[in-house]
Amino acid sequence: VQLVESGGGLVQPGGSLRLSCAASGFTFSVFAMSWHRQARGEEREWIAGISTSGTNTKYADAVKGRFSITRDDAQNMVYLQMNNLKPDDTAVYYCNTGYSQALGRAWGQGTQVVVST
């Protein structure tokens, strides 16, 4: 299993970013996928999940209405569109299998998002 996150960066409050996760080493289409994040000094938290085929999505209250998770099974990719970013969104973002929690023990390197003026 390999998960490679990308798309992070420095953005001003109110800005947007689109994160990508390239998955390999497993049958991507049969797994729900999720995004998680870990702020400095905090535990990693689940923030969004998407079911197989993208039929259902679920979000943590902290990101609901601002973030959108999608997937492309043909490309083995999962995305996180983040709008109206806030300083509290500053964290390292990770993807994993699972819908409302991480199922895989292996994590990628993550992608850093910094929301600041």
N, C-alpha and C. Protein backbone atom coordinates (compact mmCIF):
# COMPACT_ATOMS: atom_id res chain seq x y z
N VAL A 1 0.84 -1.19 0.00
CA VAL A 1 0.00 0.00 0.00
C VAL A 1 0.88 1.24 0.00
N GLN A 2 0.58 2.14 -0.93
CA GLN A 2 1.31 3.41 -0.96
C GLN A 2 0.30 4.54 -1.15
N LEU A 3 0.44 5.55 -0.33
CA LEU A 3 -0.41 6.73 -0.39
C LEU A 3 0.50 7.95 -0.47
N VAL A 4 0.32 8.77 -1.49
CA VAL A 4 1.17 9.93 -1.70
C VAL A 4 0.29 11.17 -1.81
N GLU A 5 0.40 12.01 -0.81
CA GLU A 5 -0.39 13.24 -0.75
C GLU A 5 0.39 14.40 -1.36
N SER A 6 -0.33 15.33 -1.97
CA SER A 6 0.30 16.51 -2.55
C SER A 6 -0.71 17.64 -2.61
N GLY A 7 -0.21 18.84 -2.91
CA GLY A 7 -1.09 19.98 -3.11
C GLY A 7 -1.12 20.97 -1.99
N GLY A 8 -0.44 20.69 -0.91
CA GLY A 8 -0.42 21.62 0.21
C GLY A 8 0.40 22.86 -0.10
N GLY A 9 0.38 23.79 0.85
CA GLY A 9 1.14 25.02 0.67
C GLY A 9 0.71 26.09 1.65
N LEU A 10 1.17 27.28 1.39
CA LEU A 10 0.83 28.44 2.22
C LEU A 10 -0.29 29.21 1.53
N VAL A 11 -1.33 29.49 2.27
CA VAL A 11 -2.47 30.21 1.72
C VAL A 11 -3.00 31.19 2.76
N GLN A 12 -3.54 32.28 2.29
CA GLN A 12 -4.10 33.27 3.20
C GLN A 12 -5.48 32.83 3.69
N PRO A 13 -5.88 33.30 4.84
CA PRO A 13 -7.26 33.00 5.31
C PRO A 13 -8.28 33.37 4.25
N GLY A 14 -9.26 32.50 4.07
CA GLY A 14 -10.26 32.70 3.05
C GLY A 14 -9.90 32.10 1.71
N GLY A 15 -8.68 31.66 1.57
CA GLY A 15 -8.23 31.07 0.31
C GLY A 15 -8.64 29.62 0.15
N SER A 16 -8.20 29.03 -0.96
CA SER A 16 -8.56 27.66 -1.30
C SER A 16 -7.32 26.86 -1.70
N LEU A 17 -7.40 25.56 -1.48
CA LEU A 17 -6.39 24.62 -1.94
C LEU A 17 -7.10 23.34 -2.34
N ARG A 18 -6.49 22.59 -3.25
CA ARG A 18 -6.98 21.27 -3.61
C ARG A 18 -5.87 20.27 -3.36
N LEU A 19 -6.13 19.37 -2.44
CA LEU A 19 -5.17 18.32 -2.13
C LEU A 19 -5.47 17.08 -2.96
N SER A 20 -4.41 16.35 -3.28
CA SER A 20 -4.54 15.11 -4.04
C SER A 20 -3.87 13.98 -3.29
N CYS A 21 -4.39 12.78 -3.48
CA CYS A 21 -3.80 11.59 -2.89
C CYS A 21 -3.76 10.51 -3.97
N ALA A 22 -2.57 10.07 -4.29
CA ALA A 22 -2.38 8.99 -5.26
C ALA A 22 -2.20 7.69 -4.51
N ALA A 23 -3.06 6.73 -4.79
CA ALA A 23 -3.05 5.45 -4.09
C ALA A 23 -2.58 4.34 -5.02
N SER A 24 -1.84 3.41 -4.46
CA SER A 24 -1.39 2.26 -5.23
C SER A 24 -1.14 1.08 -4.30
N GLY A 25 -1.07 -0.09 -4.89
CA GLY A 25 -0.76 -1.28 -4.11
C GLY A 25 -1.97 -2.01 -3.56
N PHE A 26 -3.16 -1.54 -3.89
CA PHE A 26 -4.37 -2.22 -3.46
C PHE A 26 -5.48 -1.89 -4.44
N THR A 27 -6.59 -2.61 -4.35
CA THR A 27 -7.71 -2.40 -5.26
C THR A 27 -8.50 -1.19 -4.78
N PHE A 28 -8.14 -0.05 -5.30
CA PHE A 28 -8.64 1.24 -4.82
C PHE A 28 -10.16 1.32 -4.85
N SER A 29 -10.77 0.84 -5.91
CA SER A 29 -12.20 1.06 -6.11
C SER A 29 -13.08 0.36 -5.08
N VAL A 30 -12.56 -0.62 -4.37
CA VAL A 30 -13.39 -1.35 -3.40
C VAL A 30 -13.25 -0.81 -2.00
N PHE A 31 -12.47 0.25 -1.84
CA PHE A 31 -12.26 0.84 -0.52
C PHE A 31 -12.86 2.23 -0.43
N ALA A 32 -13.57 2.48 0.67
CA ALA A 32 -13.86 3.86 1.02
C ALA A 32 -12.54 4.55 1.35
N MET A 33 -12.51 5.87 1.18
CA MET A 33 -11.29 6.63 1.43
C MET A 33 -11.61 7.81 2.34
N SER A 34 -10.60 8.32 2.97
CA SER A 34 -10.80 9.42 3.91
C SER A 34 -9.58 10.32 3.96
N TRP A 35 -9.83 11.52 4.43
CA TRP A 35 -8.76 12.48 4.71
C TRP A 35 -8.69 12.72 6.22
N HIS A 36 -7.49 12.93 6.67
CA HIS A 36 -7.22 13.18 8.09
C HIS A 36 -6.22 14.32 8.17
N ARG A 37 -6.10 14.92 9.33
CA ARG A 37 -5.10 15.96 9.48
C ARG A 37 -4.53 15.94 10.90
N GLN A 38 -3.32 16.46 11.01
CA GLN A 38 -2.66 16.52 12.31
C GLN A 38 -1.98 17.86 12.45
N ALA A 39 -2.49 18.65 13.38
CA ALA A 39 -1.86 19.92 13.69
C ALA A 39 -0.71 19.68 14.67
N ARG A 40 0.22 20.60 14.70
CA ARG A 40 1.38 20.45 15.57
C ARG A 40 0.93 20.32 17.02
N GLY A 41 1.42 19.29 17.67
CA GLY A 41 1.09 19.09 19.07
C GLY A 41 -0.26 18.45 19.34
N GLU A 42 -0.96 18.10 18.26
CA GLU A 42 -2.29 17.51 18.40
C GLU A 42 -2.30 16.09 17.83
N GLU A 43 -3.33 15.34 18.18
CA GLU A 43 -3.50 14.02 17.59
C GLU A 43 -4.06 14.15 16.18
N ARG A 44 -3.80 13.17 15.38
CA ARG A 44 -4.36 13.14 14.04
C ARG A 44 -5.87 12.95 14.14
N GLU A 45 -6.62 13.70 13.32
CA GLU A 45 -8.08 13.62 13.36
C GLU A 45 -8.64 13.36 11.97
N TRP A 46 -9.70 12.62 11.94
CA TRP A 46 -10.44 12.37 10.70
C TRP A 46 -11.22 13.62 10.34
N ILE A 47 -11.26 13.97 9.04
CA ILE A 47 -12.04 15.14 8.65
C ILE A 47 -13.04 14.88 7.53
N ALA A 48 -12.81 13.86 6.69
CA ALA A 48 -13.74 13.64 5.59
C ALA A 48 -13.63 12.21 5.09
N GLY A 49 -14.74 11.65 4.65
CA GLY A 49 -14.75 10.31 4.09
C GLY A 49 -15.63 10.23 2.87
N ILE A 50 -15.29 9.30 1.98
CA ILE A 50 -16.07 9.08 0.78
C ILE A 50 -16.21 7.58 0.57
N SER A 51 -17.43 7.16 0.25
CA SER A 51 -17.70 5.74 0.08
C SER A 51 -17.18 5.26 -1.28
N THR A 52 -17.24 3.95 -1.48
CA THR A 52 -16.91 3.41 -2.79
C THR A 52 -17.84 4.02 -3.82
N SER A 53 -17.34 4.27 -4.97
CA SER A 53 -18.06 4.91 -6.09
C SER A 53 -18.43 6.36 -5.82
N GLY A 54 -18.07 6.88 -4.65
CA GLY A 54 -18.37 8.28 -4.35
C GLY A 54 -19.81 8.56 -4.02
N THR A 55 -20.57 7.52 -3.73
CA THR A 55 -22.00 7.69 -3.50
C THR A 55 -22.31 8.53 -2.27
N ASN A 56 -21.55 8.33 -1.23
CA ASN A 56 -21.78 9.03 0.03
C ASN A 56 -20.51 9.72 0.50
N THR A 57 -20.70 10.87 1.16
CA THR A 57 -19.59 11.58 1.78
C THR A 57 -19.99 11.98 3.19
N LYS A 58 -18.99 12.21 4.00
CA LYS A 58 -19.22 12.57 5.40
C LYS A 58 -18.09 13.49 5.83
N TYR A 59 -18.43 14.48 6.67
CA TYR A 59 -17.45 15.48 7.07
C TYR A 59 -17.49 15.74 8.56
N ALA A 60 -16.34 16.06 9.10
CA ALA A 60 -16.29 16.54 10.48
C ALA A 60 -16.92 17.92 10.54
N ASP A 61 -17.50 18.24 11.67
CA ASP A 61 -18.18 19.53 11.81
C ASP A 61 -17.25 20.70 11.51
N ALA A 62 -15.97 20.54 11.83
CA ALA A 62 -15.03 21.65 11.67
C ALA A 62 -14.82 22.05 10.21
N VAL A 63 -15.12 21.14 9.28
CA VAL A 63 -14.86 21.42 7.86
C VAL A 63 -16.12 21.37 7.01
N LYS A 64 -17.23 20.97 7.60
CA LYS A 64 -18.47 20.82 6.85
C LYS A 64 -18.87 22.13 6.20
N GLY A 65 -19.22 22.06 4.92
CA GLY A 65 -19.61 23.25 4.19
C GLY A 65 -18.46 24.00 3.55
N ARG A 66 -17.23 23.65 3.93
CA ARG A 66 -16.05 24.31 3.35
C ARG A 66 -15.18 23.35 2.55
N PHE A 67 -15.14 22.10 2.95
CA PHE A 67 -14.30 21.09 2.29
C PHE A 67 -15.19 20.12 1.51
N SER A 68 -14.62 19.58 0.43
CA SER A 68 -15.33 18.60 -0.38
C SER A 68 -14.38 17.49 -0.80
N ILE A 69 -14.77 16.25 -0.52
CA ILE A 69 -13.95 15.09 -0.88
C ILE A 69 -14.54 14.43 -2.12
N THR A 70 -13.68 14.10 -3.05
CA THR A 70 -14.08 13.40 -4.27
C THR A 70 -13.06 12.32 -4.59
N ARG A 71 -13.42 11.45 -5.53
CA ARG A 71 -12.50 10.39 -5.91
C ARG A 71 -12.59 10.12 -7.40
N ASP A 72 -11.53 9.60 -7.95
CA ASP A 72 -11.47 9.20 -9.36
C ASP A 72 -10.94 7.77 -9.39
N ASP A 73 -11.82 6.81 -9.51
CA ASP A 73 -11.40 5.41 -9.45
C ASP A 73 -10.56 5.01 -10.65
N ALA A 74 -10.74 5.68 -11.77
CA ALA A 74 -9.95 5.36 -12.96
C ALA A 74 -8.48 5.72 -12.75
N GLN A 75 -8.24 6.74 -11.94
CA GLN A 75 -6.88 7.22 -11.70
C GLN A 75 -6.35 6.82 -10.32
N ASN A 76 -7.16 6.13 -9.54
CA ASN A 76 -6.78 5.77 -8.16
C ASN A 76 -6.40 7.01 -7.36
N MET A 77 -7.25 8.03 -7.45
CA MET A 77 -6.97 9.29 -6.79
C MET A 77 -8.14 9.68 -5.89
N VAL A 78 -7.82 10.34 -4.80
CA VAL A 78 -8.83 10.97 -3.97
C VAL A 78 -8.39 12.41 -3.74
N TYR A 79 -9.36 13.30 -3.72
CA TYR A 79 -9.08 14.72 -3.65
C TYR A 79 -9.79 15.37 -2.46
N LEU A 80 -9.25 16.49 -2.01
CA LEU A 80 -9.91 17.28 -0.99
C LEU A 80 -9.86 18.74 -1.42
N GLN A 81 -11.00 19.26 -1.82
CA GLN A 81 -11.12 20.68 -2.15
C GLN A 81 -11.40 21.43 -0.87
N MET A 82 -10.55 22.39 -0.56
CA MET A 82 -10.68 23.13 0.69
C MET A 82 -10.91 24.61 0.35
N ASN A 83 -12.03 25.12 0.76
CA ASN A 83 -12.40 26.51 0.52
C ASN A 83 -12.53 27.26 1.84
N ASN A 84 -12.47 28.58 1.75
CA ASN A 84 -12.62 29.43 2.94
C ASN A 84 -11.73 28.93 4.08
N LEU A 85 -10.48 28.76 3.78
CA LEU A 85 -9.55 28.21 4.77
C LEU A 85 -9.35 29.16 5.93
N LYS A 86 -9.14 28.57 7.09
CA LYS A 86 -8.95 29.32 8.34
C LYS A 86 -7.60 28.94 8.95
N PRO A 87 -7.05 29.80 9.79
CA PRO A 87 -5.78 29.46 10.44
C PRO A 87 -5.84 28.12 11.19
N ASP A 88 -7.00 27.78 11.74
CA ASP A 88 -7.15 26.50 12.45
C ASP A 88 -7.05 25.30 11.54
N ASP A 89 -7.09 25.51 10.22
CA ASP A 89 -6.93 24.41 9.28
C ASP A 89 -5.46 24.07 9.05
N THR A 90 -4.56 24.85 9.62
CA THR A 90 -3.13 24.57 9.48
C THR A 90 -2.80 23.22 10.08
N ALA A 91 -2.24 22.33 9.27
CA ALA A 91 -1.96 20.97 9.70
C ALA A 91 -1.26 20.23 8.57
N VAL A 92 -0.80 19.03 8.88
CA VAL A 92 -0.36 18.09 7.84
C VAL A 92 -1.56 17.22 7.51
N TYR A 93 -1.85 17.10 6.22
CA TYR A 93 -3.03 16.37 5.76
C TYR A 93 -2.61 15.03 5.16
N TYR A 94 -3.39 14.01 5.51
CA TYR A 94 -3.12 12.65 5.08
C TYR A 94 -4.38 12.00 4.52
N CYS A 95 -4.20 11.05 3.62
CA CYS A 95 -5.33 10.22 3.18
C CYS A 95 -5.11 8.80 3.68
N ASN A 96 -6.19 8.03 3.71
CA ASN A 96 -6.11 6.63 4.13
C ASN A 96 -7.37 5.93 3.66
N THR A 97 -7.36 4.63 3.72
CA THR A 97 -8.58 3.87 3.48
C THR A 97 -9.50 4.03 4.67
N GLY A 98 -10.79 3.76 4.43
CA GLY A 98 -11.77 3.89 5.49
C GLY A 98 -12.69 5.06 5.25
N TYR A 99 -13.90 4.99 5.81
CA TYR A 99 -14.91 6.03 5.58
C TYR A 99 -14.95 7.06 6.71
N SER A 100 -15.18 6.60 7.92
CA SER A 100 -15.27 7.52 9.06
C SER A 100 -14.12 7.34 10.03
N GLN A 101 -13.20 6.49 9.67
CA GLN A 101 -11.96 6.33 10.44
C GLN A 101 -10.92 5.70 9.52
N ALA A 102 -9.67 5.84 9.89
CA ALA A 102 -8.60 5.25 9.10
C ALA A 102 -8.56 3.75 9.34
N LEU A 103 -8.50 3.00 8.25
CA LEU A 103 -8.40 1.55 8.36
C LEU A 103 -6.98 1.04 8.18
N GLY A 104 -6.21 1.73 7.36
CA GLY A 104 -4.87 1.26 7.08
C GLY A 104 -3.88 1.69 8.15
N ARG A 105 -2.90 0.83 8.41
CA ARG A 105 -1.87 1.18 9.38
C ARG A 105 -0.77 2.01 8.74
N ALA A 106 -0.67 1.93 7.42
CA ALA A 106 0.38 2.67 6.74
C ALA A 106 -0.12 4.05 6.36
N TRP A 107 0.71 5.05 6.62
CA TRP A 107 0.38 6.43 6.28
C TRP A 107 1.42 6.96 5.30
N GLY A 108 1.01 7.88 4.45
CA GLY A 108 1.95 8.56 3.58
C GLY A 108 2.70 9.63 4.34
N GLN A 109 3.43 10.44 3.59
CA GLN A 109 4.22 11.48 4.23
C GLN A 109 3.38 12.71 4.56
N GLY A 110 2.19 12.76 3.99
CA GLY A 110 1.30 13.90 4.24
C GLY A 110 1.71 15.11 3.42
N THR A 111 0.85 16.10 3.42
CA THR A 111 1.14 17.36 2.75
C THR A 111 0.79 18.50 3.70
N GLN A 112 1.71 19.43 3.85
CA GLN A 112 1.56 20.51 4.83
C GLN A 112 0.70 21.62 4.27
N VAL A 113 -0.28 22.04 5.06
CA VAL A 113 -1.11 23.19 4.74
C VAL A 113 -0.91 24.23 5.83
N VAL A 114 -0.56 25.44 5.43
CA VAL A 114 -0.40 26.54 6.37
C VAL A 114 -1.32 27.67 5.93
N VAL A 115 -2.21 28.06 6.83
CA VAL A 115 -3.13 29.16 6.56
C VAL A 115 -2.72 30.34 7.43
N SER A 116 -2.20 31.35 6.77
CA SER A 116 -1.65 32.47 7.53
C SER A 116 -1.54 33.68 6.64
N THR A 117 -1.54 34.86 7.29
CA THR A 117 -1.30 36.10 6.57
C THR A 117 0.20 36.34 6.47
